N, C-alpha and C. Protein backbone atom coordinates (compact mmCIF):
# COMPACT_ATOMS: atom_id res chain seq x y z
N MET A 1 24.15 -176.62 -150.55
CA MET A 1 24.47 -175.43 -151.66
C MET A 1 24.18 -173.95 -151.34
N SER A 2 25.16 -173.27 -151.56
CA SER A 2 24.80 -171.84 -151.13
C SER A 2 25.49 -170.89 -152.24
N LEU A 3 24.78 -169.86 -152.35
CA LEU A 3 25.14 -169.11 -153.62
C LEU A 3 26.27 -168.18 -153.24
N SER A 4 27.09 -167.91 -153.88
CA SER A 4 28.18 -166.81 -153.71
C SER A 4 27.86 -165.52 -154.20
N ALA A 5 28.63 -164.51 -153.99
CA ALA A 5 28.20 -163.20 -154.32
C ALA A 5 28.74 -163.09 -155.56
N SER A 6 29.66 -163.70 -156.22
CA SER A 6 30.21 -163.53 -157.44
C SER A 6 29.26 -163.99 -158.51
N GLU A 7 28.36 -165.14 -158.09
CA GLU A 7 27.23 -165.63 -159.05
C GLU A 7 26.07 -164.75 -159.28
N LEU A 8 25.86 -163.64 -158.44
CA LEU A 8 24.70 -162.87 -158.48
C LEU A 8 24.92 -161.38 -158.80
N ASN A 9 24.20 -160.83 -159.45
CA ASN A 9 24.24 -159.50 -159.90
C ASN A 9 22.97 -158.82 -159.61
N VAL A 10 22.88 -157.42 -159.37
CA VAL A 10 21.57 -156.69 -159.32
C VAL A 10 20.76 -156.80 -160.57
N GLY A 11 19.61 -156.91 -160.38
CA GLY A 11 18.92 -157.32 -161.58
C GLY A 11 18.46 -158.60 -161.87
N ASP A 12 19.43 -159.36 -161.40
CA ASP A 12 19.12 -160.93 -161.57
C ASP A 12 17.63 -161.32 -161.11
N SER A 13 17.05 -162.36 -161.66
CA SER A 13 15.78 -162.63 -161.01
C SER A 13 15.61 -164.15 -161.36
N ARG A 14 14.90 -164.78 -160.81
CA ARG A 14 14.30 -166.27 -160.89
C ARG A 14 12.95 -166.35 -160.56
N THR A 15 12.12 -167.25 -161.35
CA THR A 15 10.87 -167.37 -161.39
C THR A 15 10.58 -168.75 -161.31
N GLU A 16 9.65 -169.10 -160.38
CA GLU A 16 9.27 -170.61 -159.81
C GLU A 16 7.93 -170.71 -159.56
N VAL A 17 7.38 -171.76 -160.11
CA VAL A 17 5.91 -172.39 -159.77
C VAL A 17 6.08 -172.97 -158.31
N VAL A 18 5.49 -172.26 -157.50
CA VAL A 18 5.69 -172.58 -155.96
C VAL A 18 4.55 -173.67 -155.52
N VAL A 19 3.35 -173.70 -156.24
CA VAL A 19 2.38 -174.61 -156.12
C VAL A 19 1.49 -174.64 -157.52
N ASP A 20 1.29 -175.85 -157.87
CA ASP A 20 0.51 -176.12 -159.01
C ASP A 20 -0.83 -176.87 -158.38
N ASN A 21 -1.98 -176.14 -158.50
CA ASN A 21 -3.31 -176.44 -158.15
C ASN A 21 -3.45 -176.70 -156.92
N LEU A 22 -3.45 -175.75 -155.94
CA LEU A 22 -3.37 -176.11 -154.60
C LEU A 22 -4.82 -176.44 -154.38
N THR A 23 -4.73 -177.58 -153.48
CA THR A 23 -5.56 -178.39 -153.10
C THR A 23 -6.28 -178.13 -151.79
N ARG A 24 -7.47 -178.50 -151.50
CA ARG A 24 -8.19 -178.50 -150.14
C ARG A 24 -7.39 -179.37 -149.10
N THR A 25 -6.96 -180.55 -149.55
CA THR A 25 -6.09 -181.36 -148.84
C THR A 25 -4.85 -180.74 -148.32
N GLN A 26 -4.03 -179.92 -149.22
CA GLN A 26 -3.06 -179.22 -148.70
C GLN A 26 -3.37 -178.14 -147.64
N LEU A 27 -4.50 -177.49 -147.70
CA LEU A 27 -4.98 -176.43 -146.76
C LEU A 27 -5.12 -177.31 -145.36
N VAL A 28 -5.89 -178.35 -145.39
CA VAL A 28 -6.11 -179.06 -144.12
C VAL A 28 -4.68 -179.78 -143.70
N GLN A 29 -3.85 -179.99 -144.42
CA GLN A 29 -2.47 -180.56 -143.98
C GLN A 29 -1.79 -179.44 -143.37
N TYR A 30 -1.72 -177.94 -143.90
CA TYR A 30 -1.12 -177.04 -143.42
C TYR A 30 -1.84 -176.70 -141.94
N ALA A 31 -3.10 -176.75 -141.89
CA ALA A 31 -3.85 -176.56 -140.68
C ALA A 31 -3.33 -177.28 -139.66
N GLY A 32 -3.24 -178.81 -140.03
CA GLY A 32 -2.41 -179.54 -138.82
C GLY A 32 -1.07 -179.40 -138.60
N ALA A 33 -0.52 -179.01 -139.68
CA ALA A 33 1.22 -178.78 -139.27
C ALA A 33 1.18 -177.40 -138.46
N SER A 34 0.43 -176.55 -138.79
CA SER A 34 0.53 -175.33 -138.16
C SER A 34 -0.39 -174.93 -136.89
N GLY A 35 -1.48 -175.69 -136.70
CA GLY A 35 -2.12 -175.55 -135.68
C GLY A 35 -3.20 -174.71 -135.60
N ASP A 36 -3.38 -174.11 -137.03
CA ASP A 36 -4.09 -172.96 -137.08
C ASP A 36 -5.46 -173.65 -138.04
N TYR A 37 -6.42 -173.76 -136.97
CA TYR A 37 -7.47 -174.64 -137.35
C TYR A 37 -8.70 -173.62 -137.74
N ASN A 38 -8.53 -172.23 -138.15
CA ASN A 38 -9.56 -171.38 -138.58
C ASN A 38 -10.45 -171.94 -139.58
N PRO A 39 -11.63 -171.94 -139.26
CA PRO A 39 -12.83 -172.70 -140.12
C PRO A 39 -12.74 -171.92 -141.51
N LEU A 40 -12.16 -170.81 -141.41
CA LEU A 40 -11.97 -169.98 -142.99
C LEU A 40 -11.23 -170.89 -143.99
N HIS A 41 -10.29 -171.72 -143.29
CA HIS A 41 -9.20 -172.53 -144.36
C HIS A 41 -9.87 -174.05 -144.45
N THR A 42 -10.76 -174.34 -143.90
CA THR A 42 -10.99 -175.94 -143.81
C THR A 42 -12.66 -175.98 -143.92
N ASP A 43 -13.43 -175.27 -143.51
CA ASP A 43 -14.89 -175.50 -143.45
C ASP A 43 -15.69 -174.64 -144.52
N ASP A 44 -16.03 -175.25 -145.87
CA ASP A 44 -16.60 -174.42 -146.75
C ASP A 44 -17.86 -173.78 -146.21
N LEU A 45 -18.85 -174.75 -145.56
CA LEU A 45 -20.20 -174.40 -145.12
C LEU A 45 -19.88 -173.04 -144.37
N PHE A 46 -19.18 -173.18 -143.19
CA PHE A 46 -18.88 -171.82 -142.45
C PHE A 46 -18.29 -170.70 -143.37
N THR A 47 -17.47 -171.11 -144.22
CA THR A 47 -16.79 -169.94 -144.69
C THR A 47 -17.73 -169.01 -145.52
N ARG A 48 -18.82 -169.95 -146.24
CA ARG A 48 -19.77 -169.38 -147.11
C ARG A 48 -20.91 -168.70 -146.44
N GLU A 49 -21.42 -169.47 -145.50
CA GLU A 49 -22.83 -169.15 -144.66
C GLU A 49 -22.32 -168.10 -143.48
N VAL A 50 -21.23 -168.14 -143.00
CA VAL A 50 -21.05 -167.42 -141.74
C VAL A 50 -20.21 -166.13 -142.28
N ALA A 51 -19.22 -166.52 -143.01
CA ALA A 51 -18.09 -165.30 -143.26
C ALA A 51 -18.24 -164.80 -144.56
N GLY A 52 -19.11 -165.31 -145.39
CA GLY A 52 -19.79 -164.49 -146.78
C GLY A 52 -18.52 -164.64 -147.71
N TYR A 53 -17.74 -165.59 -147.64
CA TYR A 53 -16.89 -165.82 -148.68
C TYR A 53 -17.28 -166.90 -149.63
N PRO A 54 -16.99 -167.11 -150.91
CA PRO A 54 -17.29 -168.14 -151.88
C PRO A 54 -16.88 -169.43 -151.34
N GLY A 55 -15.82 -169.57 -150.49
CA GLY A 55 -15.43 -170.91 -150.12
C GLY A 55 -14.00 -170.75 -149.44
N VAL A 56 -13.42 -171.86 -148.85
CA VAL A 56 -12.33 -171.81 -148.28
C VAL A 56 -11.13 -171.13 -148.95
N PHE A 57 -10.30 -170.61 -148.20
CA PHE A 57 -9.06 -170.15 -149.02
C PHE A 57 -7.81 -170.34 -148.00
N ALA A 58 -6.58 -170.25 -148.62
CA ALA A 58 -5.25 -170.67 -148.15
C ALA A 58 -5.08 -169.77 -146.87
N HIS A 59 -4.34 -170.26 -145.90
CA HIS A 59 -3.76 -169.48 -144.86
C HIS A 59 -2.86 -168.56 -145.50
N GLY A 60 -2.57 -167.33 -144.93
CA GLY A 60 -1.73 -166.38 -145.37
C GLY A 60 -0.39 -166.86 -145.15
N MET A 61 -0.09 -167.68 -144.07
CA MET A 61 1.42 -168.24 -143.85
C MET A 61 1.70 -169.29 -144.69
N LEU A 62 0.83 -170.05 -145.09
CA LEU A 62 0.77 -171.12 -146.38
C LEU A 62 1.60 -170.41 -147.15
N THR A 63 0.82 -169.45 -147.60
CA THR A 63 1.02 -168.83 -148.91
C THR A 63 2.44 -168.02 -148.84
N MET A 64 2.85 -167.52 -147.72
CA MET A 64 4.10 -166.88 -147.41
C MET A 64 5.20 -167.84 -147.35
N GLY A 65 5.00 -169.13 -146.98
CA GLY A 65 5.97 -170.31 -147.04
C GLY A 65 6.25 -170.76 -148.32
N LEU A 66 5.17 -170.85 -149.11
CA LEU A 66 5.38 -171.34 -150.39
C LEU A 66 6.15 -170.07 -151.22
N THR A 67 5.95 -168.86 -151.07
CA THR A 67 6.65 -167.85 -151.70
C THR A 67 8.12 -168.03 -151.42
N GLY A 68 8.51 -168.18 -150.19
CA GLY A 68 9.85 -168.23 -149.63
C GLY A 68 10.66 -169.27 -150.24
N ARG A 69 10.02 -170.15 -150.99
CA ARG A 69 10.85 -171.38 -151.71
C ARG A 69 11.62 -170.81 -152.60
N VAL A 70 11.17 -169.61 -153.39
CA VAL A 70 12.05 -169.34 -154.38
C VAL A 70 13.33 -168.89 -154.02
N ILE A 71 13.32 -167.95 -152.72
CA ILE A 71 14.57 -167.65 -152.34
C ILE A 71 15.65 -168.87 -151.65
N THR A 72 14.69 -169.51 -150.91
CA THR A 72 15.68 -170.84 -150.42
C THR A 72 16.22 -171.73 -151.38
N ASP A 73 15.42 -171.91 -152.58
CA ASP A 73 16.11 -172.68 -153.65
C ASP A 73 16.98 -172.10 -154.32
N TRP A 74 17.16 -170.70 -154.27
CA TRP A 74 18.18 -169.86 -155.20
C TRP A 74 19.38 -169.92 -154.37
N VAL A 75 19.38 -169.48 -153.25
CA VAL A 75 20.53 -169.23 -152.46
C VAL A 75 21.03 -170.13 -151.54
N GLY A 76 20.07 -171.17 -150.94
CA GLY A 76 20.43 -172.30 -150.32
C GLY A 76 19.79 -172.31 -148.94
N ASP A 77 19.58 -173.43 -148.23
CA ASP A 77 18.96 -173.39 -146.96
C ASP A 77 19.96 -172.74 -145.92
N GLY A 78 19.10 -171.87 -144.86
CA GLY A 78 19.98 -171.48 -143.90
C GLY A 78 20.31 -170.19 -144.06
N ARG A 79 20.16 -169.61 -145.21
CA ARG A 79 20.99 -168.26 -145.58
C ARG A 79 19.99 -167.27 -145.59
N LEU A 80 18.70 -167.47 -145.41
CA LEU A 80 17.53 -166.33 -145.34
C LEU A 80 17.85 -165.54 -143.92
N GLN A 81 17.83 -164.26 -144.00
CA GLN A 81 18.04 -163.39 -143.05
C GLN A 81 16.88 -162.58 -142.54
N ASN A 82 16.12 -162.17 -143.34
CA ASN A 82 14.90 -161.31 -143.40
C ASN A 82 13.86 -161.70 -144.36
N PHE A 83 12.50 -161.82 -143.90
CA PHE A 83 11.82 -162.12 -145.26
C PHE A 83 10.30 -161.58 -144.69
N GLY A 84 9.67 -160.58 -145.40
CA GLY A 84 8.43 -159.92 -144.79
C GLY A 84 7.73 -159.83 -146.22
N VAL A 85 6.39 -159.90 -146.09
CA VAL A 85 5.47 -160.10 -147.02
C VAL A 85 4.11 -159.39 -146.84
N ARG A 86 3.41 -158.91 -147.86
CA ARG A 86 2.32 -158.30 -147.64
C ARG A 86 1.21 -159.03 -148.56
N PHE A 87 0.28 -159.76 -147.91
CA PHE A 87 -0.89 -160.28 -148.48
C PHE A 87 -1.80 -159.35 -149.40
N VAL A 88 -1.87 -159.46 -150.41
CA VAL A 88 -2.57 -158.55 -151.40
C VAL A 88 -3.91 -159.12 -151.97
N ASN A 89 -4.14 -160.34 -152.04
CA ASN A 89 -5.18 -161.07 -152.51
C ASN A 89 -5.26 -162.49 -152.09
N GLN A 90 -6.51 -163.00 -152.04
CA GLN A 90 -6.83 -164.28 -151.32
C GLN A 90 -6.26 -165.38 -152.43
N VAL A 91 -5.82 -166.51 -151.86
CA VAL A 91 -5.59 -167.68 -152.52
C VAL A 91 -6.11 -168.82 -152.39
N TRP A 92 -6.93 -169.35 -153.55
CA TRP A 92 -8.16 -170.36 -153.55
C TRP A 92 -7.68 -171.67 -153.88
N PRO A 93 -8.25 -172.75 -153.39
CA PRO A 93 -8.15 -174.16 -154.00
C PRO A 93 -8.22 -173.99 -155.27
N GLY A 94 -7.17 -174.67 -156.09
CA GLY A 94 -7.13 -174.54 -157.58
C GLY A 94 -6.37 -173.53 -158.27
N ASP A 95 -5.71 -172.73 -157.27
CA ASP A 95 -4.68 -171.76 -157.82
C ASP A 95 -3.49 -172.43 -157.95
N THR A 96 -2.57 -171.88 -158.97
CA THR A 96 -1.21 -172.14 -159.26
C THR A 96 -0.64 -170.82 -159.15
N LEU A 97 0.36 -170.91 -158.30
CA LEU A 97 1.26 -169.79 -157.76
C LEU A 97 2.63 -169.78 -158.31
N THR A 98 2.82 -168.35 -158.70
CA THR A 98 4.40 -168.35 -159.37
C THR A 98 4.85 -167.21 -158.78
N THR A 99 5.99 -167.47 -158.15
CA THR A 99 6.97 -166.51 -157.59
C THR A 99 8.04 -166.08 -158.42
N THR A 100 8.21 -164.73 -158.41
CA THR A 100 9.44 -164.05 -159.04
C THR A 100 10.17 -163.40 -158.00
N ALA A 101 11.58 -163.51 -157.83
CA ALA A 101 12.43 -162.67 -157.17
C ALA A 101 13.46 -161.91 -157.87
N GLU A 102 13.56 -160.80 -157.35
CA GLU A 102 14.59 -160.06 -158.16
C GLU A 102 15.65 -159.32 -157.16
N VAL A 103 17.02 -159.44 -157.60
CA VAL A 103 18.06 -158.84 -156.76
C VAL A 103 17.91 -157.44 -156.95
N THR A 104 17.72 -156.78 -155.81
CA THR A 104 17.69 -155.30 -155.89
C THR A 104 18.97 -154.75 -155.15
N GLU A 105 19.72 -155.34 -154.56
CA GLU A 105 21.05 -155.06 -153.96
C GLU A 105 22.02 -155.93 -153.39
N ILE A 106 23.26 -155.71 -153.49
CA ILE A 106 24.11 -156.66 -152.90
C ILE A 106 24.93 -155.97 -152.05
N ARG A 107 25.15 -156.06 -150.72
CA ARG A 107 25.89 -155.27 -149.86
C ARG A 107 26.74 -156.03 -149.04
N ASP A 108 27.76 -155.23 -148.65
CA ASP A 108 28.71 -156.05 -147.79
C ASP A 108 28.28 -155.68 -146.32
N THR A 109 28.39 -156.79 -145.37
CA THR A 109 28.05 -156.79 -143.91
C THR A 109 29.30 -157.13 -143.24
N ASP A 110 29.05 -157.16 -141.86
CA ASP A 110 30.14 -157.87 -141.08
C ASP A 110 30.06 -159.14 -141.03
N ASP A 111 28.91 -159.85 -141.40
CA ASP A 111 28.66 -161.21 -141.75
C ASP A 111 29.19 -161.69 -143.03
N GLY A 112 29.28 -160.97 -144.18
CA GLY A 112 29.75 -161.14 -145.50
C GLY A 112 28.80 -160.60 -146.30
N PRO A 113 28.66 -160.85 -147.50
CA PRO A 113 27.68 -160.27 -148.61
C PRO A 113 26.30 -160.75 -148.32
N VAL A 114 25.45 -159.82 -148.68
CA VAL A 114 23.94 -160.08 -148.31
C VAL A 114 23.39 -159.62 -149.61
N ALA A 115 22.43 -160.34 -150.09
CA ALA A 115 21.61 -160.02 -151.14
C ALA A 115 20.07 -159.55 -150.74
N ASP A 116 19.81 -158.43 -151.27
CA ASP A 116 18.33 -158.00 -151.00
C ASP A 116 17.59 -158.42 -152.49
N PHE A 117 16.15 -158.86 -152.04
CA PHE A 117 15.59 -159.28 -153.10
C PHE A 117 14.02 -158.49 -153.14
N SER A 118 13.40 -158.14 -153.84
CA SER A 118 11.83 -158.12 -154.16
C SER A 118 11.23 -159.32 -154.58
N ILE A 119 10.09 -159.55 -154.14
CA ILE A 119 9.44 -160.73 -154.29
C ILE A 119 8.01 -160.48 -154.58
N THR A 120 7.65 -161.12 -155.66
CA THR A 120 5.93 -161.14 -155.98
C THR A 120 5.58 -162.65 -156.47
N THR A 121 4.54 -162.77 -155.97
CA THR A 121 3.65 -163.99 -156.27
C THR A 121 2.33 -163.70 -156.80
N VAL A 122 2.18 -164.48 -157.89
CA VAL A 122 1.11 -164.24 -158.79
C VAL A 122 0.51 -165.52 -158.91
N ASN A 123 -1.18 -165.38 -159.05
CA ASN A 123 -1.96 -166.75 -159.54
C ASN A 123 -1.84 -166.84 -160.83
N GLN A 124 -2.60 -168.11 -161.24
CA GLN A 124 -2.76 -168.41 -162.76
C GLN A 124 -3.48 -167.33 -163.61
N SER A 125 -4.04 -166.24 -163.26
CA SER A 125 -4.52 -164.96 -163.76
C SER A 125 -3.42 -163.92 -163.79
N ASP A 126 -2.45 -163.99 -163.32
CA ASP A 126 -1.17 -163.13 -163.19
C ASP A 126 -1.68 -161.98 -162.31
N LYS A 127 -2.52 -162.32 -161.46
CA LYS A 127 -2.96 -161.36 -160.28
C LYS A 127 -2.10 -161.51 -158.91
N PRO A 128 -1.45 -160.68 -158.62
CA PRO A 128 -0.57 -160.68 -157.49
C PRO A 128 -1.29 -161.14 -156.08
N VAL A 129 -0.80 -161.95 -155.51
CA VAL A 129 -1.40 -162.44 -154.37
C VAL A 129 -0.44 -162.13 -152.91
N VAL A 130 0.73 -162.03 -153.33
CA VAL A 130 1.91 -161.63 -152.20
C VAL A 130 2.85 -160.80 -152.66
N THR A 131 3.12 -159.79 -152.14
CA THR A 131 4.41 -159.01 -152.44
C THR A 131 5.21 -158.89 -151.31
N GLY A 132 6.75 -158.79 -151.49
CA GLY A 132 7.47 -158.50 -150.38
C GLY A 132 8.89 -158.49 -150.45
N THR A 133 9.67 -158.61 -149.67
CA THR A 133 11.38 -158.58 -149.62
C THR A 133 11.77 -159.47 -148.67
N ALA A 134 13.04 -159.74 -149.12
CA ALA A 134 13.93 -160.77 -148.48
C ALA A 134 15.32 -160.38 -148.48
N SER A 135 16.22 -160.73 -147.44
CA SER A 135 17.75 -160.74 -147.51
C SER A 135 18.08 -161.96 -147.36
N ALA A 136 19.42 -162.27 -148.08
CA ALA A 136 19.97 -163.51 -147.74
C ALA A 136 21.58 -163.54 -147.74
N LEU A 137 22.03 -163.97 -146.83
CA LEU A 137 23.52 -164.14 -146.88
C LEU A 137 24.10 -165.21 -147.96
N LEU A 138 25.22 -164.52 -148.63
CA LEU A 138 25.83 -165.20 -149.29
C LEU A 138 27.27 -165.62 -148.93
N THR A 139 27.80 -166.68 -149.80
CA THR A 139 29.21 -166.88 -149.46
C THR A 139 30.19 -165.89 -150.21
N PRO A 140 31.25 -165.66 -149.67
CA PRO A 140 32.07 -164.47 -150.22
C PRO A 140 32.73 -165.14 -151.54
């Protein structure tokens, strides 16, 4: 599935729950998949006693990857051209994250029409955890 330019307008938005009740197991699984075994994400004792945090928290790249789902679910796999985020708050086990993407521009390029998006991911308290932008190639 890929989205065509005629199916999208500036101002269109899509909201999706990208993770419901993030688990510590998911953090450990991501550590294994990514090779990022920083104890801040897997070792509660280290995180509390050495680093001074209340407990383990999600990898930034895990949160970014979850956030990106809203775009790929909307426009189709393999369509994403650019994706950049800013991590604005930590994500904790138990958090539920909801991402909203809004079309900010649709432009013609040599490769075809491209949609630009603004993206915000919030936790269950409606506190932003990630903000960013993305661009995706559409079908004509």
